Amino acid sequence: MKESTEGRTFHPGYRIGLVCRMEEHISNESRTLPPNYQMVLIEDGNGMVEVGTQVYPLLSPAVYCYHPQERVRLIAGRPLQYQILCFSPGVLNERLGDLLNAQEEPGQGLTGTDAQDLWLLEPFTERQDGYCGSIPLDPTSARHLAELLLEISKNLRDQPDYHWPCRSRSYLMELLFLVRRSYRRTGFTPAAVPYNVPDSVKPILEYLHTHYREKIKLEDLTSAFHLNKTTLGEQFKRSTGISLIAYVNKIRMTMADSMLRNTLLPTTEIMERIGIRDDAHFIRHFRKYSGYSPAEYRSKYCWMLNNNS
């Protein structure tokens, strides 16, 4: 993927460090993302994301923020619809590149709007308290973010008038403010997938994280991975510490956790999206996972209901 867009009719030869594209990622494939400051909007689908040596479940809708030193690979389950925005910090402020590469402590030598511009990039640079660049979005924020990405893409592609670089930059700033606001209020970070496991177990983990919406039967897994039930169960539990069925339930409850915290979607829709069709089953397992019923959990933790969030 190229790292900049070049002017044609207006500002010919001028380059702006912005590139935006929409992708339809086909099932059961992976794609390594280019090393850059980049924002990945996951609009639909499921799978995993590999960041360096760690692997995390993909959430949707969600935005993922990465910096150039991170090696990122998307692993799709069902078709993954996403948009990628690659940008240079210099688009915001020509001094940011030097500031981000400097050895001083953060905040040293800042002038003018440098501090505010660096503040906008915190979702891309901060990595602490388990945060891995993943920011769950409520549907309204996801739509707003998608609309801004579309405007950036149209301006970079069509370059309709003399002001296309400034207009693209203004949309980028609005986009980064939206992402920074969502980053500040998010209280959910998905735990890493246990990937330090034998090679025979890794494809099973990938399968579970990319097919949890479907009805998973042990018979199908034994056939797909050429193992008998006993061997499959023993290898999986020895590697992860829990049974295969318990692991699938954990994936589903983790996804439900994110949607209950960050959306007002009906519980029936959340159940459908995580592959559960029985109310009592969902309530029982979510209470075991969190200590609360889904309704109690949303009431306590959903920022859309909590004015103090």
C-alpha atoms as a PDB file:
ATOM      1  CA  MET A   1       0.000   0.000   0.000  1.00  0.00           C
ATOM      2  CA  LYS A   2       1.453   3.399  -0.987  1.00  0.00           C
ATOM      3  CA  GLU A   3       2.237   5.885   1.781  1.00  0.00           C
ATOM      4  CA  SER A   4       1.098   9.165   0.201  1.00  0.00           C
ATOM      5  CA  THR A   5      -1.273  10.698  -2.347  1.00  0.00           C
ATOM      6  CA  GLU A   6       0.122  12.873  -5.153  1.00  0.00           C
ATOM      7  CA  GLY A   7      -1.630  15.902  -6.595  1.00  0.00           C
ATOM      8  CA  ARG A   8      -2.706  15.851 -10.220  1.00  0.00           C
ATOM      9  CA  THR A   9      -4.691  18.760 -11.751  1.00  0.00           C
ATOM     10  CA  PHE A  10      -4.559  20.832  -8.571  1.00  0.00           C
ATOM     11  CA  HIS A  11      -1.127  20.966  -6.843  1.00  0.00           C
ATOM     12  CA  PRO A  12       0.530  18.620  -9.367  1.00  0.00           C
ATOM     13  CA  GLY A  13       3.475  16.787  -7.834  1.00  0.00           C
ATOM     14  CA  TYR A  14       2.499  17.756  -4.274  1.00  0.00           C
ATOM     15  CA  ARG A  15       2.393  14.786  -1.883  1.00  0.00           C
ATOM     16  CA  ILE A  16       0.268  14.458   1.244  1.00  0.00           C
ATOM     17  CA  GLY A  17       0.926  11.605   3.669  1.00  0.00           C
ATOM     18  CA  LEU A  18      -2.615  10.245   3.564  1.00  0.00           C
ATOM     19  CA  VAL A  19      -3.961   7.076   1.924  1.00  0.00           C
ATOM     20  CA  CYS A  20      -7.414   5.568   2.500  1.00  0.00           C
ATOM     21  CA  ARG A  21      -9.003   2.420   1.109  1.00  0.00           C
ATOM     22  CA  MET A  22     -11.886   0.037   1.774  1.00  0.00           C
ATOM     23  CA  GLU A  23     -11.278  -3.705   1.825  1.00  0.00           C
ATOM     24  CA  GLU A  24     -13.372  -6.864   1.633  1.00  0.00           C
ATOM     25  CA  HIS A  25     -11.224  -9.455   3.327  1.00  0.00           C
ATOM     26  CA  ILE A  26     -12.155 -12.969   2.214  1.00  0.00           C
ATOM     27  CA  SER A  27     -12.695 -15.731   4.778  1.00  0.00           C
ATOM     28  CA  ASN A  28      -9.830 -17.841   6.070  1.00  0.00           C
ATOM     29  CA  GLU A  29      -7.082 -15.570   4.747  1.00  0.00           C
ATOM     30  CA  SER A  30      -4.659 -13.230   6.454  1.00  0.00           C
ATOM     31  CA  ARG A  31      -3.124  -9.914   5.445  1.00  0.00           C
ATOM     32  CA  THR A  32      -0.082  -8.135   6.823  1.00  0.00           C
ATOM     33  CA  LEU A  33      -0.607  -4.374   7.103  1.00  0.00           C
ATOM     34  CA  PRO A  34       2.086  -1.907   5.992  1.00  0.00           C
ATOM     35  CA  PRO A  35       4.328  -0.352   8.682  1.00  0.00           C
ATOM     36  CA  ASN A  36       2.829   3.100   9.173  1.00  0.00           C
ATOM     37  CA  TYR A  37       0.611   5.150  11.433  1.00  0.00           C
ATOM     38  CA  GLN A  38      -2.679   3.584  10.548  1.00  0.00           C
ATOM     39  CA  MET A  39      -6.268   3.372  11.617  1.00  0.00           C
ATOM     40  CA  VAL A  40      -8.269   0.250  10.764  1.00  0.00           C
ATOM     41  CA  LEU A  41     -12.051   0.485  11.032  1.00  0.00           C
ATOM     42  CA  ILE A  42     -13.574  -2.990  11.374  1.00  0.00           C
ATOM     43  CA  GLU A  43     -17.167  -2.557  10.221  1.00  0.00           C
ATOM     44  CA  ASP A  44     -18.267  -6.195  10.086  1.00  0.00           C
ATOM     45  CA  GLY A  45     -16.892  -9.705  10.366  1.00  0.00           C
ATOM     46  CA  ASN A  46     -14.779 -11.548  12.894  1.00  0.00           C
ATOM     47  CA  GLY A  47     -11.334 -13.005  13.239  1.00  0.00           C
ATOM     48  CA  MET A  48      -8.083 -12.158  15.005  1.00  0.00           C
ATOM     49  CA  VAL A  49      -5.345  -9.548  14.815  1.00  0.00           C
ATOM     50  CA  GLU A  50      -1.692 -10.406  15.373  1.00  0.00           C
ATOM     51  CA  VAL A  51       0.363  -7.525  16.818  1.00  0.00           C
ATOM     52  CA  GLY A  52       4.006  -8.508  17.103  1.00  0.00           C
ATOM     53  CA  THR A  53       4.002 -11.764  19.041  1.00  0.00           C
ATOM     54  CA  GLN A  54       0.544 -11.286  20.588  1.00  0.00           C
ATOM     55  CA  VAL A  55      -2.779 -12.287  19.045  1.00  0.00           C
ATOM     56  CA  TYR A  56      -6.119 -10.682  19.976  1.00  0.00           C
ATOM     57  CA  PRO A  57      -9.735 -11.314  18.963  1.00  0.00           C
ATOM     58  CA  LEU A  58     -11.183  -8.827  16.476  1.00  0.00           C
ATOM     59  CA  LEU A  59     -14.182  -6.810  17.591  1.00  0.00           C
ATOM     60  CA  SER A  60     -16.749  -5.143  15.331  1.00  0.00           C
ATOM     61  CA  PRO A  61     -17.535  -2.375  15.094  1.00  0.00           C
ATOM     62  CA  ALA A  62     -14.187  -1.177  16.403  1.00  0.00           C
ATOM     63  CA  VAL A  63     -11.227   0.929  15.381  1.00  0.00           C
ATOM     64  CA  TYR A  64      -7.637  -0.296  15.678  1.00  0.00           C
ATOM     65  CA  CYS A  65      -4.757   2.183  15.964  1.00  0.00           C
ATOM     66  CA  TYR A  66      -1.137   1.244  15.222  1.00  0.00           C
ATOM     67  CA  HIS A  67       2.269   2.889  14.861  1.00  0.00           C
ATOM     68  CA  PRO A  68       5.057   2.035  12.390  1.00  0.00           C
ATOM     69  CA  GLN A  69       7.078  -0.114  14.817  1.00  0.00           C
ATOM     70  CA  GLU A  70       4.230  -2.610  15.193  1.00  0.00           C
ATOM     71  CA  ARG A  71       3.964  -5.591  12.859  1.00  0.00           C
ATOM     72  CA  VAL A  72       0.237  -6.169  12.312  1.00  0.00           C
ATOM     73  CA  ARG A  73      -1.554  -9.038  10.580  1.00  0.00           C
ATOM     74  CA  LEU A  74      -5.325  -9.418  10.193  1.00  0.00           C
ATOM     75  CA  ILE A  75      -6.718 -12.961  10.263  1.00  0.00           C
ATOM     76  CA  ALA A  76     -10.278 -13.147   8.907  1.00  0.00           C
ATOM     77  CA  GLY A  77     -12.988 -15.640   9.743  1.00  0.00           C
ATOM     78  CA  ARG A  78     -16.195 -14.792   7.931  1.00  0.00           C
ATOM     79  CA  PRO A  79     -15.753 -12.033   5.325  1.00  0.00           C
ATOM     80  CA  LEU A  80     -14.194  -9.046   7.034  1.00  0.00           C
ATOM     81  CA  GLN A  81     -15.258  -5.590   5.913  1.00  0.00           C
ATOM     82  CA  TYR A  82     -12.803  -2.902   6.921  1.00  0.00           C
ATOM     83  CA  GLN A  83     -11.255   0.420   5.934  1.00  0.00           C
ATOM     84  CA  ILE A  84      -7.616   1.410   6.370  1.00  0.00           C
ATOM     85  CA  LEU A  85      -6.289   4.939   6.735  1.00  0.00           C
ATOM     86  CA  CYS A  86      -2.501   5.339   6.617  1.00  0.00           C
ATOM     87  CA  PHE A  87      -1.113   8.754   7.531  1.00  0.00           C
ATOM     88  CA  SER A  88       2.043  10.609   8.388  1.00  0.00           C
ATOM     89  CA  PRO A  89       1.962  12.636  11.642  1.00  0.00           C
ATOM     90  CA  GLY A  90       3.444  15.487   9.608  1.00  0.00           C
ATOM     91  CA  VAL A  91       0.039  15.947   7.986  1.00  0.00           C
ATOM     92  CA  LEU A  92      -1.123  17.293  11.362  1.00  0.00           C
ATOM     93  CA  ASN A  93       2.043  19.096  12.345  1.00  0.00           C
ATOM     94  CA  GLU A  94       5.364  19.031  10.491  1.00  0.00           C
ATOM     95  CA  ARG A  95       7.236  18.882  13.830  1.00  0.00           C
ATOM     96  CA  LEU A  96       5.504  15.699  15.009  1.00  0.00           C
ATOM     97  CA  GLY A  97       7.828  13.333  13.184  1.00  0.00           C
ATOM     98  CA  ASP A  98      10.856  14.755  15.018  1.00  0.00           C
ATOM     99  CA  LEU A  99       9.015  14.860  18.345  1.00  0.00           C
ATOM    100  CA  LEU A 100       7.871  11.241  18.074  1.00  0.00           C
ATOM    101  CA  ASN A 101      11.363  10.079  17.150  1.00  0.00           C
ATOM    102  CA  ALA A 102      13.104  12.137  19.845  1.00  0.00           C
ATOM    103  CA  GLN A 103      14.625  10.489  22.881  1.00  0.00           C
ATOM    104  CA  GLU A 104      13.299  13.040  25.395  1.00  0.00           C
ATOM    105  CA  GLU A 105      10.539  12.232  27.811  1.00  0.00           C
ATOM    106  CA  PRO A 106       7.035  12.949  26.396  1.00  0.00           C
ATOM    107  CA  GLY A 107       6.151  16.596  26.771  1.00  0.00           C
ATOM    108  CA  GLN A 108       9.725  17.923  26.564  1.00  0.00           C
ATOM    109  CA  GLY A 109      10.332  20.724  24.077  1.00  0.00           C
ATOM    110  CA  LEU A 110       6.696  21.164  23.061  1.00  0.00           C
ATOM    111  CA  THR A 111       5.535  24.481  21.662  1.00  0.00           C
ATOM    112  CA  GLY A 112       2.261  25.883  20.339  1.00  0.00           C
ATOM    113  CA  THR A 113      -0.173  23.138  19.456  1.00  0.00           C
ATOM    114  CA  ASP A 114       2.436  20.333  19.613  1.00  0.00           C
ATOM    115  CA  ALA A 115       1.055  18.989  22.890  1.00  0.00           C
ATOM    116  CA  GLN A 116      -2.502  18.867  21.582  1.00  0.00           C
ATOM    117  CA  ASP A 117      -1.404  17.177  18.367  1.00  0.00           C
ATOM    118  CA  LEU A 118       0.587  14.558  20.295  1.00  0.00           C
ATOM    119  CA  TRP A 119      -2.455  14.069  22.516  1.00  0.00           C
ATOM    120  CA  LEU A 120      -4.451  13.132  19.408  1.00  0.00           C
ATOM    121  CA  LEU A 121      -1.935  10.391  18.629  1.00  0.00           C
ATOM    122  CA  GLU A 122      -2.041   8.707  22.050  1.00  0.00           C
ATOM    123  CA  PRO A 123      -4.355   5.899  20.835  1.00  0.00           C
ATOM    124  CA  PHE A 124      -1.602   5.013  18.317  1.00  0.00           C
ATOM    125  CA  THR A 125       1.402   5.314  20.637  1.00  0.00           C
ATOM    126  CA  GLU A 126       0.273   4.388  24.161  1.00  0.00           C
ATOM    127  CA  ARG A 127       0.532   0.716  25.105  1.00  0.00           C
ATOM    128  CA  GLN A 128      -0.266   0.142  28.769  1.00  0.00           C
ATOM    129  CA  ASP A 129      -2.833  -1.477  31.078  1.00  0.00           C
ATOM    130  CA  GLY A 130      -3.471  -4.167  28.478  1.00  0.00           C
ATOM    131  CA  TYR A 131      -4.437  -1.681  25.746  1.00  0.00           C
ATOM    132  CA  CYS A 132      -3.377  -3.109  22.367  1.00  0.00           C
ATOM    133  CA  GLY A 133      -4.730  -0.448  19.992  1.00  0.00           C
ATOM    134  CA  SER A 134      -8.306  -1.794  20.001  1.00  0.00           C
ATOM    135  CA  ILE A 135     -11.158   0.663  20.641  1.00  0.00           C
ATOM    136  CA  PRO A 136     -14.743  -0.707  20.578  1.00  0.00           C
ATOM    137  CA  LEU A 137     -17.256   1.699  19.021  1.00  0.00           C
ATOM    138  CA  ASP A 138     -20.936   2.317  19.500  1.00  0.00           C
ATOM    139  CA  PRO A 139     -22.910   2.179  16.214  1.00  0.00           C
ATOM    140  CA  THR A 140     -23.280   5.970  15.999  1.00  0.00           C
ATOM    141  CA  SER A 141     -19.539   6.592  16.379  1.00  0.00           C
ATOM    142  CA  ALA A 142     -18.784   3.795  13.899  1.00  0.00           C
ATOM    143  CA  ARG A 143     -21.069   5.392  11.292  1.00  0.00           C
ATOM    144  CA  HIS A 144     -19.578   8.854  11.892  1.00  0.00           C
ATOM    145  CA  LEU A 145     -16.056   7.470  11.568  1.00  0.00           C
ATOM    146  CA  ALA A 146     -16.989   5.595   8.361  1.00  0.00           C
ATOM    147  CA  GLU A 147     -18.475   8.789   6.894  1.00  0.00           C
ATOM    148  CA  LEU A 148     -15.286  10.746   7.641  1.00  0.00           C
ATOM    149  CA  LEU A 149     -13.158   8.029   6.068  1.00  0.00           C
ATOM    150  CA  LEU A 150     -15.388   8.150   2.987  1.00  0.00           C
ATOM    151  CA  GLU A 151     -14.929  11.931   2.696  1.00  0.00           C
ATOM    152  CA  ILE A 152     -11.154  11.583   3.017  1.00  0.00           C
ATOM    153  CA  SER A 153     -11.140   8.819   0.401  1.00  0.00           C
ATOM    154  CA  LYS A 154     -13.257  10.879  -2.043  1.00  0.00           C
ATOM    155  CA  ASN A 155     -11.064  13.968  -1.669  1.00  0.00           C
ATOM    156  CA  LEU A 156      -7.845  12.031  -2.140  1.00  0.00           C
ATOM    157  CA  ARG A 157      -9.253  10.155  -5.140  1.00  0.00           C
ATOM    158  CA  ASP A 158     -11.143  12.924  -6.961  1.00  0.00           C
ATOM    159  CA  GLN A 159      -9.107  15.988  -5.870  1.00  0.00           C
ATOM    160  CA  PRO A 160     -12.085  18.140  -6.925  1.00  0.00           C
ATOM    161  CA  ASP A 161     -10.577  21.604  -6.401  1.00  0.00           C
ATOM    162  CA  TYR A 162      -7.645  23.645  -5.128  1.00  0.00           C
ATOM    163  CA  HIS A 163      -8.544  22.981  -1.477  1.00  0.00           C
ATOM    164  CA  TRP A 164      -8.476  19.170  -1.531  1.00  0.00           C
ATOM    165  CA  PRO A 165      -5.298  18.875   0.647  1.00  0.00           C
ATOM    166  CA  CYS A 166      -6.616  21.200   3.359  1.00  0.00           C
ATOM    167  CA  ARG A 167     -10.041  19.598   3.245  1.00  0.00           C
ATOM    168  CA  SER A 168      -8.539  16.104   3.609  1.00  0.00           C
ATOM    169  CA  ARG A 169      -6.422  17.301   6.524  1.00  0.00           C
ATOM    170  CA  SER A 170      -9.463  18.817   8.251  1.00  0.00           C
ATOM    171  CA  TYR A 171     -11.343  15.523   7.973  1.00  0.00           C
ATOM    172  CA  LEU A 172      -8.311  13.713   9.403  1.00  0.00           C
ATOM    173  CA  MET A 173      -8.246  16.044  12.414  1.00  0.00           C
ATOM    174  CA  GLU A 174     -11.964  15.503  13.020  1.00  0.00           C
ATOM    175  CA  LEU A 175     -11.435  11.757  12.701  1.00  0.00           C
ATOM    176  CA  LEU A 176      -8.573  11.757  15.216  1.00  0.00           C
ATOM    177  CA  PHE A 177     -10.624  13.777  17.711  1.00  0.00           C
ATOM    178  CA  LEU A 178     -13.425  11.207  17.452  1.00  0.00           C
ATOM    179  CA  VAL A 179     -11.015   8.296  17.940  1.00  0.00           C
ATOM    180  CA  ARG A 180      -9.265  10.025  20.871  1.00  0.00           C
ATOM    181  CA  ARG A 181     -12.623  10.643  22.542  1.00  0.00           C
ATOM    182  CA  SER A 182     -13.611   6.988  22.125  1.00  0.00           C
ATOM    183  CA  TYR A 183     -10.185   5.909  23.436  1.00  0.00           C
ATOM    184  CA  ARG A 184     -10.626   7.992  26.584  1.00  0.00           C
ATOM    185  CA  ARG A 185     -13.932   6.457  27.556  1.00  0.00           C
ATOM    186  CA  THR A 186     -13.387   2.835  26.555  1.00  0.00           C
ATOM    187  CA  GLY A 187     -13.176   0.492  29.527  1.00  0.00           C
ATOM    188  CA  PHE A 188     -12.761  -2.737  27.624  1.00  0.00           C
ATOM    189  CA  THR A 189      -9.639  -4.327  26.189  1.00  0.00           C
ATOM    190  CA  PRO A 190      -9.824  -7.867  24.824  1.00  0.00           C
ATOM    191  CA  ALA A 191      -7.366 -10.275  26.408  1.00  0.00           C
ATOM    192  CA  ALA A 192      -4.665 -11.786  24.236  1.00  0.00           C
ATOM    193  CA  VAL A 193      -5.321 -15.176  22.693  1.00  0.00           C
ATOM    194  CA  PRO A 194      -3.009 -17.828  24.253  1.00  0.00           C
ATOM    195  CA  TYR A 195      -0.770 -18.326  21.231  1.00  0.00           C
ATOM    196  CA  ASN A 196       2.286 -19.788  22.957  1.00  0.00           C
ATOM    197  CA  VAL A 197       0.856 -23.243  22.331  1.00  0.00           C
ATOM    198  CA  PRO A 198       1.881 -26.292  20.286  1.00  0.00           C
ATOM    199  CA  ASP A 199       1.566 -25.934  16.509  1.00  0.00           C
ATOM    200  CA  SER A 200      -1.184 -28.578  16.537  1.00  0.00           C
ATOM    201  CA  VAL A 201      -3.383 -26.313  18.729  1.00  0.00           C
ATOM    202  CA  LYS A 202      -2.857 -22.974  16.912  1.00  0.00           C
ATOM    203  CA  PRO A 203      -5.158 -23.791  13.959  1.00  0.00           C
ATOM    204  CA  ILE A 204      -7.847 -24.914  16.420  1.00  0.00           C
ATOM    205  CA  LEU A 205      -7.647 -21.563  18.242  1.00  0.00           C
ATOM    206  CA  GLU A 206      -7.867 -19.719  14.922  1.00  0.00           C
ATOM    207  CA  TYR A 207     -10.894 -21.772  13.955  1.00  0.00           C
ATOM    208  CA  LEU A 208     -12.708 -21.029  17.228  1.00  0.00           C
ATOM    209  CA  HIS A 209     -11.985 -17.291  17.070  1.00  0.00           C
ATOM    210  CA  THR A 210     -13.188 -17.051  13.478  1.00  0.00           C
ATOM    211  CA  HIS A 211     -16.234 -19.374  13.707  1.00  0.00           C
ATOM    212  CA  TYR A 212     -17.660 -18.708  17.180  1.00  0.00           C
ATOM    213  CA  ARG A 213     -20.871 -17.297  15.640  1.00  0.00           C
ATOM    214  CA  GLU A 214     -21.605 -20.728  14.214  1.00  0.00           C
ATOM    215  CA  LYS A 215     -22.732 -23.885  15.975  1.00  0.00           C
ATOM    216  CA  ILE A 216     -19.502 -25.666  16.854  1.00  0.00           C
ATOM    217  CA  LYS A 217     -19.605 -29.434  17.207  1.00  0.00           C
ATOM    218  CA  LEU A 218     -16.766 -31.603  18.460  1.00  0.00           C
ATOM    219  CA  GLU A 219     -17.430 -33.992  15.574  1.00  0.00           C
ATOM    220  CA  ASP A 220     -16.738 -31.231  13.062  1.00  0.00           C
ATOM    221  CA  LEU A 221     -13.486 -30.299  14.810  1.00  0.00           C
ATOM    222  CA  THR A 222     -12.234 -33.871  15.026  1.00  0.00           C
ATOM    223  CA  SER A 223     -12.899 -34.258  11.308  1.00  0.00           C
ATOM    224  CA  ALA A 224     -11.327 -30.940  10.348  1.00  0.00           C
ATOM    225  CA  PHE A 225      -8.162 -31.431  12.418  1.00  0.00           C
ATOM    226  CA  HIS A 226      -7.878 -35.234  12.113  1.00  0.00           C
ATOM    227  CA  LEU A 227      -7.928 -35.892  15.855  1.00  0.00           C
ATOM    228  CA  ASN A 228     -10.175 -38.103  17.956  1.00  0.00           C
ATOM    229  CA  LYS A 229     -12.293 -36.460  20.671  1.00  0.00           C
ATOM    230  CA  THR A 230     -10.073 -37.575  23.534  1.00  0.00           C
ATOM    231  CA  THR A 231      -6.829 -36.367  21.956  1.00  0.00           C
ATOM    232  CA  LEU A 232      -8.427 -33.095  20.845  1.00  0.00           C
ATOM    233  CA  GLY A 233      -9.830 -32.393  24.322  1.00  0.00           C
ATOM    234  CA  GLU A 234      -6.625 -33.315  26.145  1.00  0.00           C
ATOM    235  CA  GLN A 235      -4.325 -31.290  23.875  1.00  0.00           C
ATOM    236  CA  PHE A 236      -6.561 -28.243  24.018  1.00  0.00           C
ATOM    237  CA  LYS A 237      -7.016 -28.234  27.805  1.00  0.00           C
ATOM    238  CA  ARG A 238      -3.321 -28.872  28.421  1.00  0.00           C
ATOM    239  CA  SER A 239      -2.467 -25.872  26.211  1.00  0.00           C
ATOM    240  CA  THR A 240      -5.118 -23.362  27.362  1.00  0.00           C
ATOM    241  CA  GLY A 241      -6.046 -24.532  30.851  1.00  0.00           C
ATOM    242  CA  ILE A 242      -9.753 -24.916  30.044  1.00  0.00           C
ATOM    243  CA  SER A 243     -11.917 -27.202  27.961  1.00  0.00           C
ATOM    244  CA  LEU A 244     -12.703 -26.470  24.334  1.00  0.00           C
ATOM    245  CA  ILE A 245     -16.394 -25.780  25.051  1.00  0.00           C
ATOM    246  CA  ALA A 246     -15.499 -23.471  27.956  1.00  0.00           C
ATOM    247  CA  TYR A 247     -13.116 -21.610  25.649  1.00  0.00           C
ATOM    248  CA  VAL A 248     -15.834 -21.064  23.020  1.00  0.00           C
ATOM    249  CA  ASN A 249     -18.159 -19.735  25.733  1.00  0.00           C
ATOM    250  CA  LYS A 250     -15.400 -17.390  26.921  1.00  0.00           C
ATOM    251  CA  ILE A 251     -14.995 -15.974  23.398  1.00  0.00           C
ATOM    252  CA  ARG A 252     -18.728 -15.411  23.114  1.00  0.00           C
ATOM    253  CA  MET A 253     -19.020 -13.768  26.539  1.00  0.00           C
ATOM    254  CA  THR A 254     -16.050 -11.497  25.780  1.00  0.00           C
ATOM    255  CA  MET A 255     -17.754 -10.273  22.612  1.00  0.00           C
ATOM    256  CA  ALA A 256     -21.038  -9.801  24.475  1.00  0.00           C
ATOM    257  CA  ASP A 257     -19.131  -7.838  27.143  1.00  0.00           C
ATOM    258  CA  SER A 258     -17.895  -5.349  24.533  1.00  0.00           C
ATOM    259  CA  MET A 259     -21.345  -4.884  22.970  1.00  0.00           C
ATOM    260  CA  LEU A 260     -23.068  -4.441  26.337  1.00  0.00           C
ATOM    261  CA  ARG A 261     -20.491  -1.820  27.363  1.00  0.00           C
ATOM    262  CA  ASN A 262     -20.449   0.112  24.098  1.00  0.00           C
ATOM    263  CA  THR A 263     -23.869  -0.238  22.444  1.00  0.00           C
ATOM    264  CA  LEU A 264     -27.578  -0.240  23.180  1.00  0.00           C
ATOM    265  CA  LEU A 265     -28.209  -3.132  20.795  1.00  0.00           C
ATOM    266  CA  PRO A 266     -31.082  -5.408  21.898  1.00  0.00           C
ATOM    267  CA  THR A 267     -29.925  -8.458  23.801  1.00  0.00           C
ATOM    268  CA  THR A 268     -31.500 -10.661  21.129  1.00  0.00           C
ATOM    269  CA  GLU A 269     -29.241  -9.116  18.478  1.00  0.00           C
ATOM    270  CA  ILE A 270     -26.165  -9.503  20.687  1.00  0.00           C
ATOM    271  CA  MET A 271     -27.029 -13.164  21.182  1.00  0.00           C
ATOM    272  CA  GLU A 272     -27.374 -13.661  17.439  1.00  0.00           C
ATOM    273  CA  ARG A 273     -24.011 -12.025  16.786  1.00  0.00           C
ATOM    274  CA  ILE A 274     -22.191 -14.315  19.222  1.00  0.00           C
ATOM    275  CA  GLY A 275     -23.930 -17.509  18.122  1.00  0.00           C
ATOM    276  CA  ILE A 276     -26.321 -18.109  21.053  1.00  0.00           C
ATOM    277  CA  ARG A 277     -30.039 -18.622  20.532  1.00  0.00           C
ATOM    278  CA  ASP A 278     -31.305 -19.498  24.003  1.00  0.00           C
ATOM    279  CA  ASP A 279     -31.986 -16.653  26.484  1.00  0.00           C
ATOM    280  CA  ALA A 280     -31.507 -18.759  29.591  1.00  0.00           C
ATOM    281  CA  HIS A 281     -28.225 -20.160  28.258  1.00  0.00           C
ATOM    282  CA  PHE A 282     -26.913 -16.657  27.555  1.00  0.00           C
ATOM    283  CA  ILE A 283     -27.945 -15.241  30.935  1.00  0.00           C
ATOM    284  CA  ARG A 284     -26.487 -18.213  32.827  1.00  0.00           C
ATOM    285  CA  HIS A 285     -23.123 -18.099  31.077  1.00  0.00           C
ATOM    286  CA  PHE A 286     -22.828 -14.309  31.162  1.00  0.00           C
ATOM    287  CA  ARG A 287     -23.534 -14.282  34.899  1.00  0.00           C
ATOM    288  CA  LYS A 288     -20.839 -16.918  35.369  1.00  0.00           C
ATOM    289  CA  TYR A 289     -18.441 -14.781  33.288  1.00  0.00           C
ATOM    290  CA  SER A 290     -19.137 -11.379  34.887  1.00  0.00           C
ATOM    291  CA  GLY A 291     -21.093 -11.895  38.085  1.00  0.00           C
ATOM    292  CA  TYR A 292     -24.041  -9.975  36.587  1.00  0.00           C
ATOM    293  CA  SER A 293     -26.947 -10.647  34.293  1.00  0.00           C
ATOM    294  CA  PRO A 294     -26.595  -8.942  30.877  1.00  0.00           C
ATOM    295  CA  ALA A 295     -29.136  -6.272  31.904  1.00  0.00           C
ATOM    296  CA  GLU A 296     -27.368  -5.592  35.217  1.00  0.00           C
ATOM    297  CA  TYR A 297     -23.993  -5.434  33.504  1.00  0.00           C
ATOM    298  CA  ARG A 298     -25.193  -2.929  30.880  1.00  0.00           C
ATOM    299  CA  SER A 299     -26.822  -0.793  33.562  1.00  0.00           C
ATOM    300  CA  LYS A 300     -23.569  -0.691  35.539  1.00  0.00           C
ATOM    301  CA  TYR A 301     -20.947  -0.385  32.786  1.00  0.00           C
ATOM    302  CA  CYS A 302     -22.475   0.968  29.559  1.00  0.00           C
ATOM    303  CA  TRP A 303     -21.107   4.486  29.087  1.00  0.00           C
ATOM    304  CA  MET A 304     -24.134   5.381  26.922  1.00  0.00           C
ATOM    305  CA  LEU A 305     -26.310   5.020  30.015  1.00  0.00           C
ATOM    306  CA  ASN A 306     -23.806   6.458  32.483  1.00  0.00           C
ATOM    307  CA  ASN A 307     -23.497  10.237  32.264  1.00  0.00           C
ATOM    308  CA  ASN A 308     -20.371  10.147  34.381  1.00  0.00           C
ATOM    309  CA  SER A 309     -18.431   7.997  31.879  1.00  0.00           C
END
